[in-house]
């Protein structure tokens, strides 16, 4: 059963990769990358449970923190660029 869950995570990652490549906007791509990170966290946790190694949970928590901080940083960068574009439009 857990093997099937890991397989479903892999399929979900493939769908998210398609969204990263074909995404109509930058925000869709960032959302897809964040979803990939969440699926990887779930996969790490399931893999650790399958092997009976609770240390994998610590790795998954660390990866979740890195994923969250990275997503916030990228969104702040996109938000700052959008604000600069609006200021340029107002000046014209």
N, C-alpha and C. Protein backbone atom coordinates (compact mmCIF):
# COMPACT_ATOMS: atom_id res chain seq x y z
N UNK A 1 0.81 -1.19 0.00
CA UNK A 1 0.00 0.00 0.00
C UNK A 1 0.86 1.27 0.00
N UNK A 2 1.93 1.26 0.78
CA UNK A 2 2.81 2.42 0.82
C UNK A 2 3.59 2.56 -0.49
N UNK A 3 3.88 1.43 -1.12
CA UNK A 3 4.53 1.49 -2.42
C UNK A 3 3.64 2.19 -3.44
N UNK A 4 2.34 1.92 -3.36
CA UNK A 4 1.39 2.58 -4.26
C UNK A 4 1.33 4.08 -3.98
N UNK A 5 1.40 4.47 -2.72
CA UNK A 5 1.39 5.88 -2.36
C UNK A 5 2.63 6.59 -2.90
N UNK A 6 3.78 5.93 -2.82
CA UNK A 6 5.01 6.52 -3.37
C UNK A 6 4.90 6.63 -4.89
N UNK A 7 4.31 5.63 -5.53
CA UNK A 7 4.09 5.68 -6.97
C UNK A 7 3.18 6.84 -7.35
N UNK A 8 2.13 7.06 -6.57
CA UNK A 8 1.22 8.18 -6.83
C UNK A 8 1.94 9.52 -6.65
N UNK A 9 2.85 9.60 -5.68
CA UNK A 9 3.64 10.83 -5.51
C UNK A 9 4.51 11.06 -6.75
N UNK A 10 5.09 10.00 -7.28
CA UNK A 10 5.91 10.14 -8.49
C UNK A 10 5.09 10.60 -9.68
N UNK A 11 3.89 10.07 -9.82
CA UNK A 11 3.02 10.48 -10.92
C UNK A 11 2.62 11.94 -10.74
N UNK A 12 2.33 12.32 -9.50
CA UNK A 12 2.00 13.72 -9.23
C UNK A 12 3.15 14.66 -9.55
N UNK A 13 4.37 14.23 -9.27
CA UNK A 13 5.54 15.04 -9.60
C UNK A 13 5.66 15.22 -11.11
N UNK A 14 5.38 14.16 -11.86
CA UNK A 14 5.43 14.26 -13.33
C UNK A 14 4.40 15.26 -13.83
N UNK A 15 3.18 15.22 -13.27
CA UNK A 15 2.16 16.19 -13.67
C UNK A 15 2.59 17.62 -13.34
N UNK A 16 3.21 17.79 -12.18
CA UNK A 16 3.67 19.13 -11.79
C UNK A 16 4.81 19.60 -12.69
N UNK A 17 5.67 18.69 -13.11
CA UNK A 17 6.73 19.07 -14.03
C UNK A 17 6.16 19.56 -15.37
N UNK A 18 5.09 18.93 -15.80
CA UNK A 18 4.43 19.39 -17.02
C UNK A 18 3.90 20.81 -16.82
N UNK A 19 3.35 21.09 -15.64
CA UNK A 19 2.84 22.43 -15.34
C UNK A 19 3.97 23.45 -15.27
N UNK A 20 5.13 23.02 -14.77
CA UNK A 20 6.29 23.93 -14.73
C UNK A 20 6.70 24.31 -16.15
N UNK A 21 6.71 23.35 -17.05
CA UNK A 21 7.14 23.62 -18.42
C UNK A 21 6.08 24.41 -19.19
N UNK A 22 4.82 24.06 -19.05
CA UNK A 22 3.75 24.66 -19.86
C UNK A 22 2.99 25.76 -19.14
N UNK A 23 3.37 26.09 -17.92
CA UNK A 23 2.62 27.06 -17.14
C UNK A 23 2.43 28.38 -17.87
N UNK A 24 1.20 28.91 -17.87
CA UNK A 24 0.97 30.16 -18.60
C UNK A 24 1.60 31.38 -17.92
N UNK A 25 1.83 31.33 -16.62
CA UNK A 25 2.43 32.48 -15.95
C UNK A 25 3.51 32.02 -14.98
N UNK A 26 4.25 32.99 -14.49
CA UNK A 26 5.32 32.68 -13.55
C UNK A 26 4.78 32.15 -12.23
N UNK A 27 3.64 32.69 -11.81
CA UNK A 27 3.06 32.25 -10.55
C UNK A 27 2.59 30.80 -10.62
N UNK A 28 2.10 30.37 -11.78
CA UNK A 28 1.72 28.97 -11.95
C UNK A 28 2.95 28.07 -11.85
N UNK A 29 4.05 28.53 -12.40
CA UNK A 29 5.29 27.74 -12.32
C UNK A 29 5.80 27.65 -10.89
N UNK A 30 5.74 28.75 -10.15
CA UNK A 30 6.18 28.74 -8.75
C UNK A 30 5.28 27.81 -7.93
N UNK A 31 3.98 27.86 -8.18
CA UNK A 31 3.05 26.99 -7.48
C UNK A 31 3.34 25.52 -7.78
N UNK A 32 3.66 25.21 -9.03
CA UNK A 32 3.98 23.82 -9.40
C UNK A 32 5.28 23.36 -8.74
N UNK A 33 6.27 24.24 -8.67
CA UNK A 33 7.53 23.86 -8.00
C UNK A 33 7.29 23.63 -6.52
N UNK A 34 6.43 24.45 -5.91
CA UNK A 34 6.11 24.25 -4.50
C UNK A 34 5.37 22.93 -4.30
N UNK A 35 4.48 22.59 -5.22
CA UNK A 35 3.77 21.31 -5.13
C UNK A 35 4.73 20.14 -5.28
N UNK A 36 5.73 20.28 -6.16
CA UNK A 36 6.74 19.24 -6.30
C UNK A 36 7.49 19.06 -4.98
N UNK A 37 7.84 20.17 -4.35
CA UNK A 37 8.52 20.09 -3.06
C UNK A 37 7.67 19.38 -2.02
N UNK A 38 6.38 19.68 -2.00
CA UNK A 38 5.48 19.01 -1.04
C UNK A 38 5.38 17.52 -1.32
N UNK A 39 5.32 17.15 -2.60
CA UNK A 39 5.25 15.73 -2.94
C UNK A 39 6.56 15.01 -2.60
N UNK A 40 7.68 15.69 -2.75
CA UNK A 40 8.97 15.09 -2.37
C UNK A 40 9.01 14.88 -0.86
N UNK A 41 8.50 15.83 -0.09
CA UNK A 41 8.45 15.68 1.37
C UNK A 41 7.61 14.48 1.74
N UNK A 42 6.46 14.34 1.10
CA UNK A 42 5.60 13.19 1.37
C UNK A 42 6.30 11.89 0.98
N UNK A 43 7.00 11.90 -0.16
CA UNK A 43 7.73 10.70 -0.58
C UNK A 43 8.85 10.32 0.37
N UNK A 44 9.57 11.31 0.87
CA UNK A 44 10.65 11.04 1.84
C UNK A 44 10.06 10.43 3.11
N UNK A 45 8.94 10.97 3.56
CA UNK A 45 8.30 10.46 4.77
C UNK A 45 7.81 9.03 4.58
N UNK A 46 7.17 8.77 3.46
CA UNK A 46 6.69 7.41 3.19
C UNK A 46 7.84 6.42 3.04
N UNK A 47 8.91 6.85 2.39
CA UNK A 47 10.07 5.99 2.21
C UNK A 47 10.70 5.65 3.57
N UNK A 48 10.80 6.65 4.43
CA UNK A 48 11.34 6.40 5.77
C UNK A 48 10.46 5.46 6.58
N UNK A 49 9.14 5.59 6.42
CA UNK A 49 8.24 4.68 7.13
C UNK A 49 8.37 3.26 6.60
N UNK A 50 8.51 3.15 5.27
CA UNK A 50 8.66 1.82 4.67
C UNK A 50 9.93 1.12 5.16
N UNK A 51 11.02 1.87 5.28
CA UNK A 51 12.29 1.29 5.71
C UNK A 51 12.40 1.16 7.22
N UNK A 52 11.47 1.77 7.95
CA UNK A 52 11.53 1.74 9.40
C UNK A 52 12.62 2.64 9.96
N UNK A 53 12.88 3.75 9.29
CA UNK A 53 13.93 4.68 9.71
C UNK A 53 13.30 6.03 10.04
N UNK A 54 13.10 6.32 11.31
CA UNK A 54 12.46 7.59 11.69
C UNK A 54 13.33 8.82 11.42
N UNK A 55 14.62 8.61 11.10
CA UNK A 55 15.49 9.76 10.81
C UNK A 55 15.05 10.48 9.55
N UNK A 56 14.36 9.78 8.67
CA UNK A 56 13.90 10.40 7.42
C UNK A 56 12.89 11.50 7.70
N UNK A 57 12.17 11.40 8.81
CA UNK A 57 11.21 12.44 9.16
C UNK A 57 11.92 13.76 9.44
N UNK A 58 13.08 13.70 10.08
CA UNK A 58 13.86 14.92 10.31
C UNK A 58 14.31 15.54 8.99
N UNK A 59 14.72 14.71 8.07
CA UNK A 59 15.13 15.20 6.75
C UNK A 59 13.94 15.84 6.04
N UNK A 60 12.76 15.23 6.14
CA UNK A 60 11.57 15.77 5.50
C UNK A 60 11.19 17.11 6.11
N UNK A 61 11.30 17.26 7.42
CA UNK A 61 10.98 18.53 8.06
C UNK A 61 11.96 19.61 7.62
N UNK A 62 13.23 19.28 7.54
CA UNK A 62 14.22 20.25 7.08
C UNK A 62 13.95 20.66 5.63
N UNK A 63 13.62 19.70 4.79
CA UNK A 63 13.31 20.01 3.40
C UNK A 63 12.06 20.87 3.30
N UNK A 64 11.07 20.64 4.18
CA UNK A 64 9.86 21.46 4.18
C UNK A 64 10.19 22.91 4.52
N UNK A 65 11.07 23.12 5.48
CA UNK A 65 11.47 24.49 5.84
C UNK A 65 12.19 25.17 4.69
N UNK A 66 13.09 24.46 4.04
CA UNK A 66 13.82 25.03 2.90
C UNK A 66 12.86 25.33 1.76
N UNK A 67 11.91 24.44 1.52
CA UNK A 67 10.92 24.64 0.46
C UNK A 67 10.07 25.88 0.74
N UNK A 68 9.64 26.04 1.98
CA UNK A 68 8.82 27.19 2.35
C UNK A 68 9.59 28.50 2.21
N UNK A 69 10.80 28.55 2.73
CA UNK A 69 11.60 29.76 2.66
C UNK A 69 11.93 30.12 1.21
N UNK A 70 12.26 29.12 0.41
CA UNK A 70 12.56 29.36 -1.00
C UNK A 70 11.36 29.90 -1.76
N UNK A 71 10.18 29.36 -1.49
CA UNK A 71 8.97 29.83 -2.16
C UNK A 71 8.66 31.27 -1.78
N UNK A 72 8.78 31.59 -0.51
CA UNK A 72 8.52 32.97 -0.06
C UNK A 72 9.52 33.93 -0.70
N UNK A 73 10.78 33.53 -0.79
CA UNK A 73 11.79 34.40 -1.39
C UNK A 73 11.51 34.65 -2.87
N UNK A 74 11.12 33.62 -3.60
CA UNK A 74 10.83 33.77 -5.02
C UNK A 74 9.59 34.64 -5.23
N UNK A 75 8.57 34.44 -4.40
CA UNK A 75 7.36 35.26 -4.54
C UNK A 75 7.62 36.72 -4.19
N UNK A 76 8.49 36.97 -3.21
CA UNK A 76 8.85 38.36 -2.90
C UNK A 76 9.59 38.99 -4.08
N UNK A 77 10.45 38.23 -4.72
CA UNK A 77 11.17 38.73 -5.88
C UNK A 77 10.20 39.06 -7.01
N UNK A 78 9.25 38.18 -7.29
CA UNK A 78 8.25 38.44 -8.33
C UNK A 78 7.37 39.62 -7.96
N UNK A 79 7.01 39.72 -6.69
CA UNK A 79 6.18 40.84 -6.25
C UNK A 79 6.90 42.16 -6.40
N UNK A 80 8.19 42.19 -6.10
CA UNK A 80 8.97 43.41 -6.24
C UNK A 80 9.08 43.81 -7.70
N UNK A 81 9.28 42.83 -8.59
CA UNK A 81 9.35 43.13 -10.02
C UNK A 81 8.01 43.66 -10.54
N UNK A 82 6.91 43.11 -10.05
CA UNK A 82 5.59 43.57 -10.47
C UNK A 82 5.36 45.01 -10.00
N UNK A 83 5.82 45.34 -8.79
CA UNK A 83 5.67 46.71 -8.29
C UNK A 83 6.50 47.68 -9.13
N UNK A 84 7.70 47.28 -9.52
CA UNK A 84 8.52 48.15 -10.36
C UNK A 84 7.88 48.39 -11.71
N UNK A 85 7.26 47.35 -12.27
CA UNK A 85 6.57 47.50 -13.55
C UNK A 85 5.39 48.47 -13.43
N UNK A 86 4.66 48.41 -12.32
CA UNK A 86 3.54 49.32 -12.12
C UNK A 86 4.02 50.76 -12.00
N UNK A 87 5.14 50.97 -11.30
CA UNK A 87 5.68 52.31 -11.16
C UNK A 87 6.13 52.87 -12.52
N UNK A 88 6.70 52.02 -13.36
CA UNK A 88 7.10 52.45 -14.69
C UNK A 88 5.91 52.85 -15.53
N UNK A 89 4.81 52.12 -15.40
CA UNK A 89 3.61 52.43 -16.16
C UNK A 89 3.00 53.75 -15.71
N UNK A 90 3.04 54.02 -14.41
CA UNK A 90 2.47 55.27 -13.89
C UNK A 90 3.29 56.47 -14.33
N UNK A 91 4.59 56.30 -14.48
CA UNK A 91 5.44 57.42 -14.88
C UNK A 91 5.26 57.78 -16.35
N UNK A 92 4.80 56.83 -17.14
CA UNK A 92 4.60 57.09 -18.57
C UNK A 92 3.31 57.73 -18.76
